[in-house]
């Protein structure tokens, strides 16, 4: 049996950046629903208005981009960025004055 190595250029990470109005009660409800739907689709919060998700392939990433596009509220701005696992590995995060490496991505193969 031949084993294929996971390719860091084919595994994708999706980032959703958003700036939604939250002035009125209705706007806050819409923004909260948007965040909850992102989490229901497997996204995790990186920062307050930045959510991210691991995708095993470009095709999987495309499915989730389409789902996000269906969730976009009428007001505000939503941006989706797809990067390869290789590019994701070059990310630097700073808290205070020290650099902290990102947690390593999942090692297990997704079958769906």
N, C-alpha and C. Protein backbone atom coordinates (compact mmCIF):
# COMPACT_ATOMS: atom_id res chain seq x y z
N UNK A 1 0.84 -1.18 0.00
CA UNK A 1 0.00 0.00 0.00
C UNK A 1 0.89 1.25 0.00
N UNK A 2 0.63 2.14 -0.91
CA UNK A 2 1.40 3.37 -1.03
C UNK A 2 0.83 4.43 -0.09
N UNK A 3 1.71 5.09 0.67
CA UNK A 3 1.28 6.15 1.57
C UNK A 3 1.60 7.49 0.95
N UNK A 4 0.62 8.36 0.89
CA UNK A 4 0.84 9.70 0.37
C UNK A 4 1.03 10.65 1.54
N UNK A 5 2.02 11.48 1.43
CA UNK A 5 2.31 12.46 2.46
C UNK A 5 1.39 13.67 2.26
N UNK A 6 0.89 14.22 3.36
CA UNK A 6 0.06 15.41 3.25
C UNK A 6 0.89 16.54 2.67
N UNK A 7 0.36 17.25 1.71
CA UNK A 7 1.08 18.30 1.01
C UNK A 7 0.73 19.65 1.61
N UNK A 8 1.73 20.36 2.12
CA UNK A 8 1.51 21.65 2.76
C UNK A 8 1.04 22.71 1.78
N UNK A 9 1.11 22.43 0.47
CA UNK A 9 0.64 23.38 -0.53
C UNK A 9 -0.82 23.12 -0.91
N UNK A 10 -1.38 21.99 -0.51
CA UNK A 10 -2.77 21.67 -0.85
C UNK A 10 -3.71 21.82 0.34
N UNK A 11 -3.19 21.65 1.55
CA UNK A 11 -3.99 21.88 2.76
C UNK A 11 -4.20 23.38 2.89
N UNK A 12 -5.41 23.80 3.23
CA UNK A 12 -5.74 25.22 3.26
C UNK A 12 -6.21 25.65 4.65
N UNK A 13 -6.00 26.90 4.94
CA UNK A 13 -6.56 27.56 6.12
C UNK A 13 -7.41 28.72 5.62
N UNK A 14 -8.59 28.84 6.15
CA UNK A 14 -9.48 29.95 5.80
C UNK A 14 -9.54 30.93 6.98
N UNK A 15 -9.45 32.19 6.66
CA UNK A 15 -9.62 33.25 7.64
C UNK A 15 -10.82 34.09 7.22
N UNK A 16 -11.67 34.41 8.17
CA UNK A 16 -12.80 35.30 7.93
C UNK A 16 -12.60 36.51 8.83
N UNK A 17 -12.47 37.67 8.19
CA UNK A 17 -12.32 38.94 8.90
C UNK A 17 -13.62 39.70 8.71
N UNK A 18 -14.14 40.30 9.77
CA UNK A 18 -15.39 41.03 9.58
C UNK A 18 -15.48 42.23 10.51
N UNK A 19 -16.21 43.20 10.02
CA UNK A 19 -16.52 44.41 10.78
C UNK A 19 -18.01 44.66 10.57
N UNK A 20 -18.79 44.26 11.55
CA UNK A 20 -20.25 44.36 11.45
C UNK A 20 -20.75 45.42 12.42
N UNK A 21 -21.78 46.16 12.03
CA UNK A 21 -22.33 47.17 12.94
C UNK A 21 -22.99 46.52 14.15
N UNK A 22 -22.81 47.13 15.31
CA UNK A 22 -23.41 46.60 16.55
C UNK A 22 -24.01 47.72 17.40
N UNK A 23 -24.50 48.76 16.71
CA UNK A 23 -25.04 49.91 17.42
C UNK A 23 -26.40 49.62 18.03
N UNK A 24 -27.27 48.96 17.27
CA UNK A 24 -28.62 48.67 17.76
C UNK A 24 -28.70 47.22 18.25
N UNK A 25 -29.77 46.93 18.96
CA UNK A 25 -29.99 45.57 19.45
C UNK A 25 -30.11 44.59 18.28
N UNK A 26 -30.81 45.02 17.22
CA UNK A 26 -30.98 44.16 16.04
C UNK A 26 -29.63 43.88 15.38
N UNK A 27 -28.78 44.90 15.26
CA UNK A 27 -27.45 44.71 14.65
C UNK A 27 -26.59 43.76 15.49
N UNK A 28 -26.66 43.90 16.81
CA UNK A 28 -25.90 42.99 17.68
C UNK A 28 -26.37 41.55 17.51
N UNK A 29 -27.68 41.38 17.36
CA UNK A 29 -28.24 40.05 17.17
C UNK A 29 -27.76 39.45 15.84
N UNK A 30 -27.72 40.24 14.78
CA UNK A 30 -27.25 39.77 13.48
C UNK A 30 -25.77 39.39 13.56
N UNK A 31 -24.96 40.23 14.20
CA UNK A 31 -23.52 39.96 14.34
C UNK A 31 -23.28 38.69 15.16
N UNK A 32 -24.04 38.52 16.23
CA UNK A 32 -23.90 37.32 17.07
C UNK A 32 -24.29 36.08 16.29
N UNK A 33 -25.36 36.16 15.52
CA UNK A 33 -25.79 35.02 14.71
C UNK A 33 -24.71 34.66 13.68
N UNK A 34 -24.09 35.65 13.06
CA UNK A 34 -23.02 35.42 12.09
C UNK A 34 -21.85 34.67 12.75
N UNK A 35 -21.42 35.13 13.91
CA UNK A 35 -20.32 34.46 14.63
C UNK A 35 -20.70 33.03 15.01
N UNK A 36 -21.90 32.83 15.50
CA UNK A 36 -22.33 31.48 15.90
C UNK A 36 -22.39 30.54 14.70
N UNK A 37 -22.84 31.06 13.56
CA UNK A 37 -22.89 30.22 12.35
C UNK A 37 -21.49 29.86 11.87
N UNK A 38 -20.54 30.79 12.00
CA UNK A 38 -19.15 30.46 11.66
C UNK A 38 -18.64 29.32 12.54
N UNK A 39 -18.91 29.41 13.83
CA UNK A 39 -18.45 28.37 14.76
C UNK A 39 -19.13 27.04 14.46
N UNK A 40 -20.41 27.09 14.08
CA UNK A 40 -21.13 25.87 13.74
C UNK A 40 -20.51 25.19 12.51
N UNK A 41 -19.88 26.00 11.63
CA UNK A 41 -19.24 25.47 10.43
C UNK A 41 -17.77 25.11 10.68
N UNK A 42 -17.34 25.09 11.93
CA UNK A 42 -16.00 24.62 12.25
C UNK A 42 -14.93 25.70 12.39
N UNK A 43 -15.32 26.97 12.32
CA UNK A 43 -14.36 28.05 12.51
C UNK A 43 -14.13 28.28 13.99
N UNK A 44 -12.93 28.70 14.34
CA UNK A 44 -12.62 29.06 15.72
C UNK A 44 -12.17 30.52 15.75
N UNK A 45 -12.43 31.16 16.87
CA UNK A 45 -12.09 32.57 16.99
C UNK A 45 -10.59 32.72 17.24
N UNK A 46 -9.94 33.51 16.40
CA UNK A 46 -8.53 33.83 16.57
C UNK A 46 -8.42 35.17 17.31
N UNK A 47 -9.24 36.12 16.91
CA UNK A 47 -9.40 37.40 17.57
C UNK A 47 -10.89 37.72 17.49
N UNK A 48 -11.32 38.82 18.10
CA UNK A 48 -12.75 39.09 18.19
C UNK A 48 -13.44 39.04 16.83
N UNK A 49 -12.91 39.65 15.80
CA UNK A 49 -13.56 39.65 14.49
C UNK A 49 -12.74 38.90 13.44
N UNK A 50 -11.95 37.93 13.90
CA UNK A 50 -11.15 37.10 13.00
C UNK A 50 -11.37 35.64 13.39
N UNK A 51 -11.90 34.87 12.46
CA UNK A 51 -12.13 33.45 12.69
C UNK A 51 -11.34 32.65 11.67
N UNK A 52 -10.94 31.44 12.04
CA UNK A 52 -10.12 30.63 11.14
C UNK A 52 -10.60 29.18 11.15
N UNK A 53 -10.26 28.48 10.05
CA UNK A 53 -10.67 27.08 9.92
C UNK A 53 -9.67 26.34 9.06
N UNK A 54 -9.34 25.12 9.48
CA UNK A 54 -8.48 24.22 8.71
C UNK A 54 -9.32 23.48 7.69
N UNK A 55 -8.81 23.36 6.46
CA UNK A 55 -9.48 22.60 5.41
C UNK A 55 -8.46 21.64 4.79
N UNK A 56 -8.86 20.41 4.58
CA UNK A 56 -7.94 19.38 4.09
C UNK A 56 -7.55 19.58 2.63
N UNK A 57 -8.31 20.39 1.89
CA UNK A 57 -8.03 20.57 0.47
C UNK A 57 -8.62 21.88 -0.03
N UNK A 58 -8.23 22.27 -1.22
CA UNK A 58 -8.79 23.46 -1.86
C UNK A 58 -10.29 23.28 -2.09
N UNK A 59 -10.69 22.07 -2.45
CA UNK A 59 -12.11 21.79 -2.69
C UNK A 59 -12.93 21.97 -1.41
N UNK A 60 -12.39 21.49 -0.30
CA UNK A 60 -13.05 21.66 1.00
C UNK A 60 -13.13 23.15 1.36
N UNK A 61 -12.06 23.87 1.11
CA UNK A 61 -12.04 25.31 1.39
C UNK A 61 -13.12 26.02 0.57
N UNK A 62 -13.26 25.64 -0.70
CA UNK A 62 -14.28 26.25 -1.56
C UNK A 62 -15.69 26.05 -1.00
N UNK A 63 -15.95 24.86 -0.45
CA UNK A 63 -17.26 24.57 0.15
C UNK A 63 -17.53 25.54 1.30
N UNK A 64 -16.53 25.75 2.16
CA UNK A 64 -16.72 26.61 3.32
C UNK A 64 -16.78 28.08 2.94
N UNK A 65 -16.05 28.48 1.90
CA UNK A 65 -16.16 29.86 1.41
C UNK A 65 -17.58 30.11 0.92
N UNK A 66 -18.16 29.16 0.22
CA UNK A 66 -19.55 29.30 -0.25
C UNK A 66 -20.52 29.40 0.92
N UNK A 67 -20.28 28.62 1.97
CA UNK A 67 -21.16 28.69 3.15
C UNK A 67 -21.08 30.06 3.80
N UNK A 68 -19.85 30.59 3.93
CA UNK A 68 -19.68 31.91 4.53
C UNK A 68 -20.39 32.96 3.68
N UNK A 69 -20.28 32.85 2.36
CA UNK A 69 -20.91 33.86 1.50
C UNK A 69 -22.42 33.87 1.66
N UNK A 70 -23.01 32.74 2.03
CA UNK A 70 -24.46 32.68 2.27
C UNK A 70 -24.85 33.29 3.61
N UNK A 71 -23.89 33.43 4.52
CA UNK A 71 -24.16 33.96 5.86
C UNK A 71 -23.98 35.47 5.97
N UNK A 72 -23.39 36.09 4.99
CA UNK A 72 -22.99 37.50 5.10
C UNK A 72 -24.21 38.39 5.35
N UNK A 73 -24.16 39.19 6.43
CA UNK A 73 -25.26 40.10 6.73
C UNK A 73 -25.36 41.22 5.69
N UNK A 74 -26.49 41.92 5.69
CA UNK A 74 -26.72 43.00 4.73
C UNK A 74 -25.79 44.18 4.96
N UNK A 75 -25.43 44.43 6.20
CA UNK A 75 -24.57 45.58 6.52
C UNK A 75 -23.22 45.09 7.05
N UNK A 76 -22.20 45.92 6.88
CA UNK A 76 -20.88 45.60 7.38
C UNK A 76 -19.98 45.06 6.28
N UNK A 77 -18.81 44.62 6.68
CA UNK A 77 -17.82 44.11 5.74
C UNK A 77 -17.33 42.74 6.21
N UNK A 78 -17.23 41.81 5.26
CA UNK A 78 -16.71 40.47 5.54
C UNK A 78 -15.67 40.16 4.47
N UNK A 79 -14.49 39.70 4.90
CA UNK A 79 -13.41 39.33 3.99
C UNK A 79 -13.01 37.90 4.30
N UNK A 80 -12.82 37.09 3.26
CA UNK A 80 -12.36 35.71 3.42
C UNK A 80 -11.00 35.59 2.75
N UNK A 81 -10.04 35.02 3.46
CA UNK A 81 -8.69 34.82 2.94
C UNK A 81 -8.34 33.35 3.07
N UNK A 82 -7.90 32.75 1.98
CA UNK A 82 -7.45 31.35 1.98
C UNK A 82 -5.93 31.34 1.83
N UNK A 83 -5.26 30.62 2.70
CA UNK A 83 -3.80 30.46 2.60
C UNK A 83 -3.46 28.98 2.68
N UNK A 84 -2.34 28.61 2.07
CA UNK A 84 -1.91 27.22 2.15
C UNK A 84 -1.34 26.94 3.53
N UNK A 85 -1.24 25.67 3.87
CA UNK A 85 -0.65 25.28 5.15
C UNK A 85 0.79 25.76 5.23
N UNK A 86 1.48 25.76 4.11
CA UNK A 86 2.87 26.24 4.06
C UNK A 86 2.93 27.72 4.43
N UNK A 87 2.03 28.52 3.86
CA UNK A 87 1.98 29.94 4.18
C UNK A 87 1.58 30.16 5.64
N UNK A 88 0.63 29.38 6.11
CA UNK A 88 0.17 29.47 7.50
C UNK A 88 1.33 29.23 8.47
N UNK A 89 2.21 28.31 8.09
CA UNK A 89 3.35 28.00 8.94
C UNK A 89 4.32 29.15 9.12
N UNK A 90 4.25 30.16 8.26
CA UNK A 90 5.13 31.32 8.36
C UNK A 90 4.54 32.44 9.22
N UNK A 91 3.35 32.22 9.76
CA UNK A 91 2.69 33.25 10.56
C UNK A 91 3.42 33.45 11.89
N UNK A 92 3.55 34.71 12.27
CA UNK A 92 4.11 35.06 13.57
C UNK A 92 3.02 35.73 14.38
N UNK A 93 2.95 35.40 15.65
CA UNK A 93 1.98 36.02 16.55
C UNK A 93 2.74 36.63 17.71
N UNK A 94 2.35 37.82 18.11
CA UNK A 94 3.00 38.52 19.21
C UNK A 94 1.97 38.86 20.27
N UNK A 95 2.29 38.54 21.49
CA UNK A 95 1.50 38.95 22.64
C UNK A 95 2.46 39.70 23.55
N UNK A 96 2.18 40.95 23.81
CA UNK A 96 3.13 41.73 24.57
C UNK A 96 4.38 41.95 23.72
N UNK A 97 5.55 41.58 24.24
CA UNK A 97 6.81 41.81 23.52
C UNK A 97 7.42 40.53 22.99
N UNK A 98 6.83 39.38 23.23
CA UNK A 98 7.45 38.11 22.84
C UNK A 98 6.69 37.44 21.71
N UNK A 99 7.42 36.76 20.86
CA UNK A 99 6.83 35.99 19.77
C UNK A 99 6.41 34.64 20.32
N UNK A 100 5.19 34.22 20.01
CA UNK A 100 4.69 32.91 20.41
C UNK A 100 4.29 32.15 19.17
N UNK A 101 4.85 30.95 18.95
CA UNK A 101 4.48 30.20 17.74
C UNK A 101 3.03 29.74 17.79
N UNK A 102 2.42 29.64 16.59
CA UNK A 102 1.06 29.14 16.49
C UNK A 102 1.03 27.66 16.84
N UNK A 103 -0.09 27.22 17.36
CA UNK A 103 -0.27 25.79 17.63
C UNK A 103 -0.17 25.02 16.32
N UNK A 104 0.43 23.85 16.38
CA UNK A 104 0.59 23.04 15.19
C UNK A 104 -0.77 22.59 14.68
N UNK A 105 -0.93 22.55 13.36
CA UNK A 105 -2.19 22.16 12.75
C UNK A 105 -2.48 20.69 12.96
N UNK A 106 -3.70 20.28 12.63
CA UNK A 106 -4.08 18.88 12.81
C UNK A 106 -3.24 17.96 11.95
N UNK A 107 -2.93 16.79 12.48
CA UNK A 107 -2.14 15.79 11.77
C UNK A 107 -3.02 14.72 11.14
N UNK A 108 -4.27 14.68 11.54
CA UNK A 108 -5.11 13.59 11.06
C UNK A 108 -5.77 13.96 9.74
N UNK A 109 -5.99 12.99 8.93
CA UNK A 109 -6.59 13.17 7.62
C UNK A 109 -8.11 13.26 7.75
N UNK A 110 -8.69 14.29 7.10
CA UNK A 110 -10.15 14.41 7.11
C UNK A 110 -10.72 13.58 5.99
N UNK A 111 -11.79 12.86 6.24
CA UNK A 111 -12.38 11.98 5.26
C UNK A 111 -13.69 12.50 4.69
N UNK A 112 -14.08 13.70 5.04
CA UNK A 112 -15.34 14.23 4.53
C UNK A 112 -15.13 15.58 3.91
